[in-house]
Amino acid sequence: MEIKEVAALAQKLKENVKTVIVGKDEVIDKVTLCLFCGGHILLEDIPGTGKTTMAKAFARSLECGFARVQFTPDLLPSELTGINYFNQKKAEFEFKPGSVFTNILLGDEINRATPRTQSSLLECMEEGQVSVDGVTYTLEKPFLVIATQNPVEIQGTFPLPEAQLDRFFMRLSMGYPDAAAEAQMLSNLAQSHPVDAVKPVASGEDILAAQAAVKQVKVSAPVREYIVSIADATRHSDKVKLGVSPRGSLALMRASQAHAAADGRDYVLPDDVKAVALDVLAHRIICKGFSISQASAAPQEVLTVILNQLPVPKEPVAAVKD
């Protein structure tokens, strides 16, 4: 797939999802970038802002397998990964695949499940495979986890540990719609839900081709050094207890490549890096102190300061292309 085709596919997906999600173009763009990078998404916001609807709209826009799991305290790991059961007719054990054996898995309210169940997703999210009773099963590609959670509720929830947060490519927030978008939403929902009318506009093969094309987008040495300097700055900040991991640096580079491809370019600019840095890195940082009044301790604000202070590589576009 050519870069221009990647940009066209991104626009096609955006227009399709916009028939359901109104006024959230930036979030739609970021979810598309994750899709093109094969990265998992954590949608974190208050109830009723459209997190689940966003996931369903994207799933319906793709001609791929889709499964939705409502995470609850009694959800078992085997319900996700699968289980070996004894078939009495055949007098032998057979493997029954769990919910992760799909292309797009929507994990609704992931923080309501126990840590044991949450951790059962680690292998499939990182390696695209599942191990059950010593046997490893490879998941079909593309494979994408879209998890939602409500950050304002504490009772009956189990916060995701740092190791699992690092598995998510981006953490995104829907936010409240503006007045015009909310009025349009009410009009769209007057008689039926628009998500029911969404038709596929791309296949799994299209997404895999886009993922392969994104990896070919050129990242010059100065831009790679810029990405590393951002990650390194988080590790040495006096406001940060745990900085960005090497996995985070790789995710930032991949997201920058996808951002460039969606813009129709086969080379990454520093502006691409800055455009996705907060969404890719903020959830990978643990800041010192927990006081709300210490605004500088918030991960996004720490990253913003770092991005504003670090020198941005200056070079001709021709050099970037090379």
C-alpha atoms as a PDB file:
ATOM      1  CA  MET A   1       0.000   0.000   0.000  1.00  0.00           C
ATOM      2  CA  GLU A   2       1.256   3.465  -0.946  1.00  0.00           C
ATOM      3  CA  ILE A   3       1.403   6.308   1.561  1.00  0.00           C
ATOM      4  CA  LYS A   4      -1.316   8.190  -0.311  1.00  0.00           C
ATOM      5  CA  GLU A   5      -3.548   5.142   0.060  1.00  0.00           C
ATOM      6  CA  VAL A   6      -2.872   5.086   3.814  1.00  0.00           C
ATOM      7  CA  ALA A   7      -3.952   8.731   4.040  1.00  0.00           C
ATOM      8  CA  ALA A   8      -7.068   7.978   1.980  1.00  0.00           C
ATOM      9  CA  LEU A   9      -7.917   4.994   4.199  1.00  0.00           C
ATOM     10  CA  ALA A  10      -7.520   7.129   7.324  1.00  0.00           C
ATOM     11  CA  GLN A  11      -9.908   9.719   5.898  1.00  0.00           C
ATOM     12  CA  LYS A  12     -12.399   7.039   4.889  1.00  0.00           C
ATOM     13  CA  LEU A  13     -12.442   5.567   8.386  1.00  0.00           C
ATOM     14  CA  LYS A  14     -12.765   9.017   9.936  1.00  0.00           C
ATOM     15  CA  GLU A  15     -15.757   9.957   7.798  1.00  0.00           C
ATOM     16  CA  ASN A  16     -17.432   6.648   8.569  1.00  0.00           C
ATOM     17  CA  VAL A  17     -16.986   6.932  12.340  1.00  0.00           C
ATOM     18  CA  LYS A  18     -18.053  10.605  12.275  1.00  0.00           C
ATOM     19  CA  THR A  19     -21.550   9.476  11.301  1.00  0.00           C
ATOM     20  CA  VAL A  20     -21.778   8.132  14.862  1.00  0.00           C
ATOM     21  CA  ILE A  21     -19.319  10.187  16.937  1.00  0.00           C
ATOM     22  CA  VAL A  22     -19.905  13.917  16.491  1.00  0.00           C
ATOM     23  CA  GLY A  23     -17.370  16.626  17.302  1.00  0.00           C
ATOM     24  CA  LYS A  24     -14.514  14.320  18.293  1.00  0.00           C
ATOM     25  CA  ASP A  25     -12.382  14.375  15.137  1.00  0.00           C
ATOM     26  CA  GLU A  26      -9.082  14.480  17.032  1.00  0.00           C
ATOM     27  CA  VAL A  27      -9.918  11.385  19.096  1.00  0.00           C
ATOM     28  CA  ILE A  28     -11.052   9.547  15.951  1.00  0.00           C
ATOM     29  CA  ASP A  29      -7.747  10.446  14.285  1.00  0.00           C
ATOM     30  CA  LYS A  30      -5.758   9.112  17.252  1.00  0.00           C
ATOM     31  CA  VAL A  31      -7.696   5.815  17.326  1.00  0.00           C
ATOM     32  CA  THR A  32      -6.985   5.452  13.595  1.00  0.00           C
ATOM     33  CA  LEU A  33      -3.271   5.978  14.223  1.00  0.00           C
ATOM     34  CA  CYS A  34      -3.337   3.217  16.856  1.00  0.00           C
ATOM     35  CA  LEU A  35      -5.044   0.936  14.354  1.00  0.00           C
ATOM     36  CA  PHE A  36      -2.342   1.639  11.767  1.00  0.00           C
ATOM     37  CA  CYS A  37       0.359   0.890  14.361  1.00  0.00           C
ATOM     38  CA  GLY A  38      -1.275  -2.247  15.738  1.00  0.00           C
ATOM     39  CA  GLY A  39      -1.386  -0.530  19.125  1.00  0.00           C
ATOM     40  CA  HIS A  40      -3.933  -1.067  21.887  1.00  0.00           C
ATOM     41  CA  ILE A  41      -6.076   1.776  23.197  1.00  0.00           C
ATOM     42  CA  LEU A  42      -7.250   2.757  26.658  1.00  0.00           C
ATOM     43  CA  LEU A  43     -10.299   5.056  26.524  1.00  0.00           C
ATOM     44  CA  GLU A  44     -10.554   6.682  29.927  1.00  0.00           C
ATOM     45  CA  ASP A  45     -13.333   9.118  30.786  1.00  0.00           C
ATOM     46  CA  ILE A  46     -16.453   9.654  32.834  1.00  0.00           C
ATOM     47  CA  PRO A  47     -19.576   7.566  32.024  1.00  0.00           C
ATOM     48  CA  GLY A  48     -21.742   8.485  29.071  1.00  0.00           C
ATOM     49  CA  THR A  49     -19.179  10.257  26.894  1.00  0.00           C
ATOM     50  CA  GLY A  50     -19.247   7.652  24.102  1.00  0.00           C
ATOM     51  CA  LYS A  51     -16.255   5.421  24.840  1.00  0.00           C
ATOM     52  CA  THR A  52     -18.039   2.154  24.044  1.00  0.00           C
ATOM     53  CA  THR A  53     -19.826   3.706  21.076  1.00  0.00           C
ATOM     54  CA  MET A  54     -16.493   4.863  19.660  1.00  0.00           C
ATOM     55  CA  ALA A  55     -15.109   1.322  19.893  1.00  0.00           C
ATOM     56  CA  LYS A  56     -18.216  -0.179  18.283  1.00  0.00           C
ATOM     57  CA  ALA A  57     -18.175   2.381  15.460  1.00  0.00           C
ATOM     58  CA  PHE A  58     -14.594   1.481  14.586  1.00  0.00           C
ATOM     59  CA  ALA A  59     -15.308  -2.246  14.836  1.00  0.00           C
ATOM     60  CA  ARG A  60     -18.286  -1.924  12.484  1.00  0.00           C
ATOM     61  CA  SER A  61     -16.167   0.116  10.063  1.00  0.00           C
ATOM     62  CA  LEU A  62     -13.866  -2.868   9.605  1.00  0.00           C
ATOM     63  CA  GLU A  63     -14.720  -6.175   8.042  1.00  0.00           C
ATOM     64  CA  CYS A  64     -13.114  -8.051  10.935  1.00  0.00           C
ATOM     65  CA  GLY A  65     -14.043 -10.170  13.910  1.00  0.00           C
ATOM     66  CA  PHE A  66     -15.342  -8.292  16.936  1.00  0.00           C
ATOM     67  CA  ALA A  67     -16.002  -9.315  20.535  1.00  0.00           C
ATOM     68  CA  ARG A  68     -17.201  -7.289  23.498  1.00  0.00           C
ATOM     69  CA  VAL A  69     -16.501  -8.351  27.077  1.00  0.00           C
ATOM     70  CA  GLN A  70     -18.050  -6.653  30.081  1.00  0.00           C
ATOM     71  CA  PHE A  71     -15.360  -6.779  32.745  1.00  0.00           C
ATOM     72  CA  THR A  72     -16.742  -7.638  36.187  1.00  0.00           C
ATOM     73  CA  PRO A  73     -15.155  -8.869  39.453  1.00  0.00           C
ATOM     74  CA  ASP A  74     -16.293 -12.442  38.737  1.00  0.00           C
ATOM     75  CA  LEU A  75     -14.885 -12.571  35.186  1.00  0.00           C
ATOM     76  CA  LEU A  76     -12.423 -15.467  34.932  1.00  0.00           C
ATOM     77  CA  PRO A  77      -9.149 -15.386  32.971  1.00  0.00           C
ATOM     78  CA  SER A  78     -10.232 -18.516  31.081  1.00  0.00           C
ATOM     79  CA  GLU A  79     -13.230 -16.637  29.685  1.00  0.00           C
ATOM     80  CA  LEU A  80     -10.750 -14.402  27.885  1.00  0.00           C
ATOM     81  CA  THR A  81      -7.965 -16.777  26.941  1.00  0.00           C
ATOM     82  CA  GLY A  82      -9.887 -20.041  26.532  1.00  0.00           C
ATOM     83  CA  ILE A  83      -9.969 -23.370  28.331  1.00  0.00           C
ATOM     84  CA  ASN A  84      -9.349 -27.060  27.731  1.00  0.00           C
ATOM     85  CA  TYR A  85     -12.507 -29.041  28.423  1.00  0.00           C
ATOM     86  CA  PHE A  86     -13.138 -32.762  28.328  1.00  0.00           C
ATOM     87  CA  ASN A  87     -15.266 -33.862  25.369  1.00  0.00           C
ATOM     88  CA  GLN A  88     -17.075 -36.954  26.625  1.00  0.00           C
ATOM     89  CA  LYS A  89     -18.121 -38.057  23.124  1.00  0.00           C
ATOM     90  CA  LYS A  90     -14.530 -38.053  21.887  1.00  0.00           C
ATOM     91  CA  ALA A  91     -13.079 -39.004  25.272  1.00  0.00           C
ATOM     92  CA  GLU A  92     -10.388 -36.335  24.949  1.00  0.00           C
ATOM     93  CA  PHE A  93      -9.643 -32.746  25.897  1.00  0.00           C
ATOM     94  CA  GLU A  94     -10.467 -29.992  23.426  1.00  0.00           C
ATOM     95  CA  PHE A  95      -9.534 -26.337  23.451  1.00  0.00           C
ATOM     96  CA  LYS A  96     -12.374 -23.843  23.527  1.00  0.00           C
ATOM     97  CA  PRO A  97     -11.099 -20.401  22.459  1.00  0.00           C
ATOM     98  CA  GLY A  98     -11.911 -17.402  24.650  1.00  0.00           C
ATOM     99  CA  SER A  99     -12.963 -13.880  23.724  1.00  0.00           C
ATOM    100  CA  VAL A 100      -9.460 -12.753  22.722  1.00  0.00           C
ATOM    101  CA  PHE A 101      -9.635 -14.940  19.624  1.00  0.00           C
ATOM    102  CA  THR A 102     -10.969 -12.137  17.465  1.00  0.00           C
ATOM    103  CA  ASN A 103      -9.605  -9.090  15.629  1.00  0.00           C
ATOM    104  CA  ILE A 104     -11.017  -6.273  17.748  1.00  0.00           C
ATOM    105  CA  LEU A 105     -11.660  -6.911  21.432  1.00  0.00           C
ATOM    106  CA  LEU A 106     -13.651  -4.341  23.376  1.00  0.00           C
ATOM    107  CA  GLY A 107     -12.924  -4.684  27.084  1.00  0.00           C
ATOM    108  CA  ASP A 108     -15.603  -2.552  28.711  1.00  0.00           C
ATOM    109  CA  GLU A 109     -14.753  -1.149  32.161  1.00  0.00           C
ATOM    110  CA  ILE A 110     -11.515  -3.100  32.365  1.00  0.00           C
ATOM    111  CA  ASN A 111     -10.781  -1.810  35.865  1.00  0.00           C
ATOM    112  CA  ARG A 112     -13.793  -3.701  37.270  1.00  0.00           C
ATOM    113  CA  ALA A 113     -12.066  -7.067  36.770  1.00  0.00           C
ATOM    114  CA  THR A 114      -9.609  -8.515  39.278  1.00  0.00           C
ATOM    115  CA  PRO A 115      -5.844  -8.144  38.698  1.00  0.00           C
ATOM    116  CA  ARG A 116      -5.650 -11.848  37.849  1.00  0.00           C
ATOM    117  CA  THR A 117      -8.112 -11.410  34.986  1.00  0.00           C
ATOM    118  CA  GLN A 118      -6.532  -8.159  33.852  1.00  0.00           C
ATOM    119  CA  SER A 119      -3.103  -9.786  33.684  1.00  0.00           C
ATOM    120  CA  SER A 120      -4.431 -12.540  31.427  1.00  0.00           C
ATOM    121  CA  LEU A 121      -4.401  -9.930  28.653  1.00  0.00           C
ATOM    122  CA  LEU A 122      -0.685  -9.171  28.980  1.00  0.00           C
ATOM    123  CA  GLU A 123       0.600 -11.925  26.699  1.00  0.00           C
ATOM    124  CA  CYS A 124      -1.935 -11.406  23.930  1.00  0.00           C
ATOM    125  CA  MET A 125      -1.472  -7.618  23.969  1.00  0.00           C
ATOM    126  CA  GLU A 126       2.306  -7.759  23.787  1.00  0.00           C
ATOM    127  CA  GLU A 127       2.976 -10.891  21.725  1.00  0.00           C
ATOM    128  CA  GLY A 128      -0.277 -11.574  19.859  1.00  0.00           C
ATOM    129  CA  GLN A 129      -0.551 -15.064  21.337  1.00  0.00           C
ATOM    130  CA  VAL A 130      -2.165 -16.983  24.182  1.00  0.00           C
ATOM    131  CA  SER A 131      -0.652 -19.810  26.246  1.00  0.00           C
ATOM    132  CA  VAL A 132      -3.022 -22.298  27.876  1.00  0.00           C
ATOM    133  CA  ASP A 133      -1.827 -25.437  29.675  1.00  0.00           C
ATOM    134  CA  GLY A 134       1.592 -25.207  28.062  1.00  0.00           C
ATOM    135  CA  VAL A 135       0.282 -24.798  24.507  1.00  0.00           C
ATOM    136  CA  THR A 136       0.691 -21.488  22.663  1.00  0.00           C
ATOM    137  CA  TYR A 137      -1.998 -20.301  20.236  1.00  0.00           C
ATOM    138  CA  THR A 138      -1.303 -17.469  17.791  1.00  0.00           C
ATOM    139  CA  LEU A 139      -3.996 -14.815  17.431  1.00  0.00           C
ATOM    140  CA  GLU A 140      -5.197 -13.749  14.021  1.00  0.00           C
ATOM    141  CA  LYS A 141      -3.975 -10.371  12.783  1.00  0.00           C
ATOM    142  CA  PRO A 142      -4.920  -7.589  12.958  1.00  0.00           C
ATOM    143  CA  PHE A 143      -5.489  -7.793  16.702  1.00  0.00           C
ATOM    144  CA  LEU A 144      -6.500  -4.737  18.687  1.00  0.00           C
ATOM    145  CA  VAL A 145      -7.679  -4.291  22.277  1.00  0.00           C
ATOM    146  CA  ILE A 146      -9.838  -1.263  22.998  1.00  0.00           C
ATOM    147  CA  ALA A 147     -10.352  -1.008  26.748  1.00  0.00           C
ATOM    148  CA  THR A 148     -12.545   1.510  28.540  1.00  0.00           C
ATOM    149  CA  GLN A 149     -12.514   2.602  32.146  1.00  0.00           C
ATOM    150  CA  ASN A 150     -14.125   5.174  34.397  1.00  0.00           C
ATOM    151  CA  PRO A 151     -11.450   7.079  36.358  1.00  0.00           C
ATOM    152  CA  VAL A 152     -13.783   8.801  38.825  1.00  0.00           C
ATOM    153  CA  GLU A 153     -15.179   5.678  40.493  1.00  0.00           C
ATOM    154  CA  ILE A 154     -13.196   3.839  43.170  1.00  0.00           C
ATOM    155  CA  GLN A 155     -15.557   1.324  44.810  1.00  0.00           C
ATOM    156  CA  GLY A 156     -15.539  -2.072  43.119  1.00  0.00           C
ATOM    157  CA  THR A 157     -12.621  -1.242  40.831  1.00  0.00           C
ATOM    158  CA  PHE A 158      -9.035  -2.498  40.521  1.00  0.00           C
ATOM    159  CA  PRO A 159      -6.610   0.097  39.086  1.00  0.00           C
ATOM    160  CA  LEU A 160      -4.487  -1.176  36.223  1.00  0.00           C
ATOM    161  CA  PRO A 161      -0.867  -1.771  37.315  1.00  0.00           C
ATOM    162  CA  GLU A 162       1.925   0.188  35.645  1.00  0.00           C
ATOM    163  CA  ALA A 163       3.130  -2.872  33.725  1.00  0.00           C
ATOM    164  CA  GLN A 164      -0.230  -3.250  32.018  1.00  0.00           C
ATOM    165  CA  LEU A 165      -0.672   0.469  31.386  1.00  0.00           C
ATOM    166  CA  ASP A 166       2.610   0.326  29.482  1.00  0.00           C
ATOM    167  CA  ARG A 167       1.061  -2.265  27.132  1.00  0.00           C
ATOM    168  CA  PHE A 168      -1.436   0.313  25.891  1.00  0.00           C
ATOM    169  CA  PHE A 169      -0.209   2.279  22.903  1.00  0.00           C
ATOM    170  CA  MET A 170      -2.280   5.366  23.755  1.00  0.00           C
ATOM    171  CA  ARG A 171      -4.543   6.519  26.536  1.00  0.00           C
ATOM    172  CA  LEU A 172      -7.277   8.781  25.171  1.00  0.00           C
ATOM    173  CA  SER A 173     -10.085  10.790  26.690  1.00  0.00           C
ATOM    174  CA  MET A 174     -13.367  11.558  24.928  1.00  0.00           C
ATOM    175  CA  GLY A 175     -14.369  14.617  26.968  1.00  0.00           C
ATOM    176  CA  TYR A 176     -17.685  16.435  26.885  1.00  0.00           C
ATOM    177  CA  PRO A 177     -19.001  17.473  23.454  1.00  0.00           C
ATOM    178  CA  ASP A 178     -19.595  21.144  22.757  1.00  0.00           C
ATOM    179  CA  ALA A 179     -23.186  22.417  22.579  1.00  0.00           C
ATOM    180  CA  ALA A 180     -23.488  22.144  18.790  1.00  0.00           C
ATOM    181  CA  ALA A 181     -22.097  18.591  18.715  1.00  0.00           C
ATOM    182  CA  GLU A 182     -24.388  17.508  21.549  1.00  0.00           C
ATOM    183  CA  ALA A 183     -27.433  18.964  19.767  1.00  0.00           C
ATOM    184  CA  GLN A 184     -26.432  17.081  16.603  1.00  0.00           C
ATOM    185  CA  MET A 185     -26.024  13.896  18.650  1.00  0.00           C
ATOM    186  CA  LEU A 186     -29.557  14.237  20.038  1.00  0.00           C
ATOM    187  CA  SER A 187     -30.900  14.710  16.520  1.00  0.00           C
ATOM    188  CA  ASN A 188     -29.036  11.621  15.270  1.00  0.00           C
ATOM    189  CA  LEU A 189     -30.373   9.498  18.133  1.00  0.00           C
ATOM    190  CA  ALA A 190     -33.985  10.687  17.862  1.00  0.00           C
ATOM    191  CA  GLN A 191     -35.251   7.523  16.157  1.00  0.00           C
ATOM    192  CA  SER A 192     -32.429   4.981  16.139  1.00  0.00           C
ATOM    193  CA  HIS A 193     -28.787   4.595  17.067  1.00  0.00           C
ATOM    194  CA  PRO A 194     -26.518   5.539  14.131  1.00  0.00           C
ATOM    195  CA  VAL A 195     -23.981   2.853  15.057  1.00  0.00           C
ATOM    196  CA  ASP A 196     -26.481   0.247  13.822  1.00  0.00           C
ATOM    197  CA  ALA A 197     -26.252   1.715  10.319  1.00  0.00           C
ATOM    198  CA  VAL A 198     -22.437   1.747  10.096  1.00  0.00           C
ATOM    199  CA  LYS A 199     -21.100  -0.373   7.229  1.00  0.00           C
ATOM    200  CA  PRO A 200     -17.548  -1.686   6.760  1.00  0.00           C
ATOM    201  CA  VAL A 201     -15.267   0.516   4.671  1.00  0.00           C
ATOM    202  CA  ALA A 202     -12.059  -1.495   5.072  1.00  0.00           C
ATOM    203  CA  SER A 203     -10.960  -5.101   5.507  1.00  0.00           C
ATOM    204  CA  GLY A 204      -8.442  -6.699   7.801  1.00  0.00           C
ATOM    205  CA  GLU A 205      -6.086  -6.993   4.837  1.00  0.00           C
ATOM    206  CA  ASP A 206      -6.324  -3.230   4.294  1.00  0.00           C
ATOM    207  CA  ILE A 207      -5.307  -2.587   7.893  1.00  0.00           C
ATOM    208  CA  LEU A 208      -2.375  -5.014   7.680  1.00  0.00           C
ATOM    209  CA  ALA A 209      -1.232  -3.333   4.452  1.00  0.00           C
ATOM    210  CA  ALA A 210      -1.476   0.074   6.132  1.00  0.00           C
ATOM    211  CA  GLN A 211       0.540  -1.205   9.108  1.00  0.00           C
ATOM    212  CA  ALA A 212       3.264  -2.442   6.769  1.00  0.00           C
ATOM    213  CA  ALA A 213       3.309   0.897   4.915  1.00  0.00           C
ATOM    214  CA  VAL A 214       3.582   2.876   8.161  1.00  0.00           C
ATOM    215  CA  LYS A 215       6.736   0.966   9.126  1.00  0.00           C
ATOM    216  CA  GLN A 216       8.360   2.159   5.879  1.00  0.00           C
ATOM    217  CA  VAL A 217       7.903   5.843   6.714  1.00  0.00           C
ATOM    218  CA  LYS A 218      11.386   7.347   7.046  1.00  0.00           C
ATOM    219  CA  VAL A 219      12.615   8.539  10.451  1.00  0.00           C
ATOM    220  CA  SER A 220      15.852  10.504  10.151  1.00  0.00           C
ATOM    221  CA  ALA A 221      18.627  10.223  12.726  1.00  0.00           C
ATOM    222  CA  PRO A 222      17.950  13.695  14.227  1.00  0.00           C
ATOM    223  CA  VAL A 223      14.262  12.826  14.714  1.00  0.00           C
ATOM    224  CA  ARG A 224      15.154   9.495  16.328  1.00  0.00           C
ATOM    225  CA  GLU A 225      17.528  11.336  18.651  1.00  0.00           C
ATOM    226  CA  TYR A 226      14.737  13.799  19.450  1.00  0.00           C
ATOM    227  CA  ILE A 227      12.430  10.922  20.441  1.00  0.00           C
ATOM    228  CA  VAL A 228      15.134   9.425  22.659  1.00  0.00           C
ATOM    229  CA  SER A 229      15.816  12.808  24.264  1.00  0.00           C
ATOM    230  CA  ILE A 230      12.144  13.141  25.236  1.00  0.00           C
ATOM    231  CA  ALA A 231      12.117   9.706  26.877  1.00  0.00           C
ATOM    232  CA  ASP A 232      15.454  10.353  28.567  1.00  0.00           C
ATOM    233  CA  ALA A 233      14.246  13.699  29.942  1.00  0.00           C
ATOM    234  CA  THR A 234      11.352  11.950  31.721  1.00  0.00           C
ATOM    235  CA  ARG A 235      13.817   9.580  33.391  1.00  0.00           C
ATOM    236  CA  HIS A 236      15.877  12.439  34.791  1.00  0.00           C
ATOM    237  CA  SER A 237      13.114  14.861  35.738  1.00  0.00           C
ATOM    238  CA  ASP A 238      13.013  15.684  39.446  1.00  0.00           C
ATOM    239  CA  LYS A 239       9.214  15.487  39.273  1.00  0.00           C
ATOM    240  CA  VAL A 240       9.112  11.955  37.855  1.00  0.00           C
ATOM    241  CA  LYS A 241       9.479   8.741  39.851  1.00  0.00           C
ATOM    242  CA  LEU A 242       9.226   6.376  36.866  1.00  0.00           C
ATOM    243  CA  GLY A 243      10.105   7.589  33.382  1.00  0.00           C
ATOM    244  CA  VAL A 244       9.202   6.382  29.906  1.00  0.00           C
ATOM    245  CA  SER A 245      10.331   2.841  29.039  1.00  0.00           C
ATOM    246  CA  PRO A 246      12.084   1.870  25.787  1.00  0.00           C
ATOM    247  CA  ARG A 247       8.720   0.412  24.744  1.00  0.00           C
ATOM    248  CA  GLY A 248       7.351   3.941  25.063  1.00  0.00           C
ATOM    249  CA  SER A 249      10.122   5.339  22.833  1.00  0.00           C
ATOM    250  CA  LEU A 250       9.294   2.757  20.161  1.00  0.00           C
ATOM    251  CA  ALA A 251       5.583   3.539  20.465  1.00  0.00           C
ATOM    252  CA  LEU A 252       6.300   7.244  20.030  1.00  0.00           C
ATOM    253  CA  MET A 253       8.295   6.575  16.871  1.00  0.00           C
ATOM    254  CA  ARG A 254       5.584   4.304  15.442  1.00  0.00           C
ATOM    255  CA  ALA A 255       2.847   6.837  16.249  1.00  0.00           C
ATOM    256  CA  SER A 256       4.903   9.577  14.587  1.00  0.00           C
ATOM    257  CA  GLN A 257       5.272   7.425  11.472  1.00  0.00           C
ATOM    258  CA  ALA A 258       1.516   6.800  11.387  1.00  0.00           C
ATOM    259  CA  HIS A 259       0.805  10.512  11.902  1.00  0.00           C
ATOM    260  CA  ALA A 260       3.048  11.352   8.939  1.00  0.00           C
ATOM    261  CA  ALA A 261       1.459   8.650   6.766  1.00  0.00           C
ATOM    262  CA  ALA A 262      -2.069   9.848   7.597  1.00  0.00           C
ATOM    263  CA  ASP A 263      -0.902  13.287   6.462  1.00  0.00           C
ATOM    264  CA  GLY A 264       0.291  11.814   3.154  1.00  0.00           C
ATOM    265  CA  ARG A 265       4.039  11.986   3.899  1.00  0.00           C
ATOM    266  CA  ASP A 266       6.626   9.213   3.811  1.00  0.00           C
ATOM    267  CA  TYR A 267       8.923  10.962   6.300  1.00  0.00           C
ATOM    268  CA  VAL A 268       8.531  12.049   9.922  1.00  0.00           C
ATOM    269  CA  LEU A 269       8.839  15.650  11.078  1.00  0.00           C
ATOM    270  CA  PRO A 270       9.408  16.783  14.684  1.00  0.00           C
ATOM    271  CA  ASP A 271       5.858  18.175  14.584  1.00  0.00           C
ATOM    272  CA  ASP A 272       4.578  14.612  14.117  1.00  0.00           C
ATOM    273  CA  VAL A 273       6.389  13.583  17.299  1.00  0.00           C
ATOM    274  CA  LYS A 274       4.990  16.508  19.296  1.00  0.00           C
ATOM    275  CA  ALA A 275       1.457  15.873  17.988  1.00  0.00           C
ATOM    276  CA  VAL A 276       1.255  12.389  19.527  1.00  0.00           C
ATOM    277  CA  ALA A 277       3.718  12.568  22.444  1.00  0.00           C
ATOM    278  CA  LEU A 278       1.214  13.325  25.211  1.00  0.00           C
ATOM    279  CA  ASP A 279      -1.213  10.555  24.276  1.00  0.00           C
ATOM    280  CA  VAL A 280       1.560   7.987  23.833  1.00  0.00           C
ATOM    281  CA  LEU A 281       3.711   8.800  26.857  1.00  0.00           C
ATOM    282  CA  ALA A 282       1.635  10.359  29.658  1.00  0.00           C
ATOM    283  CA  HIS A 283       0.237   7.072  30.995  1.00  0.00           C
ATOM    284  CA  ARG A 284       3.750   5.572  31.097  1.00  0.00           C
ATOM    285  CA  ILE A 285       4.992   8.117  33.658  1.00  0.00           C
ATOM    286  CA  ILE A 286       4.589   8.046  37.430  1.00  0.00           C
ATOM    287  CA  CYS A 287       5.079  11.451  39.004  1.00  0.00           C
ATOM    288  CA  LYS A 288       6.297  12.203  42.505  1.00  0.00           C
ATOM    289  CA  GLY A 289       3.632  13.438  44.887  1.00  0.00           C
ATOM    290  CA  PHE A 290      -0.115  13.077  44.599  1.00  0.00           C
ATOM    291  CA  SER A 291      -1.333  16.551  45.588  1.00  0.00           C
ATOM    292  CA  ILE A 292      -3.825  17.972  43.098  1.00  0.00           C
ATOM    293  CA  SER A 293      -2.480  21.441  43.843  1.00  0.00           C
ATOM    294  CA  GLN A 294       0.925  20.422  42.452  1.00  0.00           C
ATOM    295  CA  ALA A 295      -0.060  20.860  38.825  1.00  0.00           C
ATOM    296  CA  SER A 296       3.554  20.463  37.676  1.00  0.00           C
ATOM    297  CA  ALA A 297       3.492  16.875  38.943  1.00  0.00           C
ATOM    298  CA  ALA A 298       0.798  15.833  36.472  1.00  0.00           C
ATOM    299  CA  PRO A 299       2.323  13.646  33.728  1.00  0.00           C
ATOM    300  CA  GLN A 300       0.855  15.664  30.867  1.00  0.00           C
ATOM    301  CA  GLU A 301       2.153  18.905  32.304  1.00  0.00           C
ATOM    302  CA  VAL A 302       5.595  17.426  32.935  1.00  0.00           C
ATOM    303  CA  LEU A 303       5.692  16.255  29.318  1.00  0.00           C
ATOM    304  CA  THR A 304       4.501  19.628  28.062  1.00  0.00           C
ATOM    305  CA  VAL A 305       7.348  21.345  29.917  1.00  0.00           C
ATOM    306  CA  ILE A 306       9.836  18.835  28.489  1.00  0.00           C
ATOM    307  CA  LEU A 307       8.549  19.327  24.934  1.00  0.00           C
ATOM    308  CA  ASN A 308       8.751  23.091  25.307  1.00  0.00           C
ATOM    309  CA  GLN A 309      12.285  23.026  26.712  1.00  0.00           C
ATOM    310  CA  LEU A 310      13.976  20.436  24.507  1.00  0.00           C
ATOM    311  CA  PRO A 311      15.585  21.782  21.313  1.00  0.00           C
ATOM    312  CA  VAL A 312      13.704  20.675  18.214  1.00  0.00           C
ATOM    313  CA  PRO A 313      15.868  19.344  15.370  1.00  0.00           C
ATOM    314  CA  LYS A 314      16.127  21.821  12.521  1.00  0.00           C
ATOM    315  CA  GLU A 315      16.909  20.433   9.115  1.00  0.00           C
ATOM    316  CA  PRO A 316      15.792  20.866   5.517  1.00  0.00           C
ATOM    317  CA  VAL A 317      12.863  18.737   4.369  1.00  0.00           C
ATOM    318  CA  ALA A 318      15.087  17.144   1.744  1.00  0.00           C
ATOM    319  CA  ALA A 319      17.408  15.909   4.473  1.00  0.00           C
ATOM    320  CA  VAL A 320      14.475  14.471   6.421  1.00  0.00           C
ATOM    321  CA  LYS A 321      13.321  12.590   3.325  1.00  0.00           C
ATOM    322  CA  ASP A 322      16.755  11.070   2.896  1.00  0.00           C
END
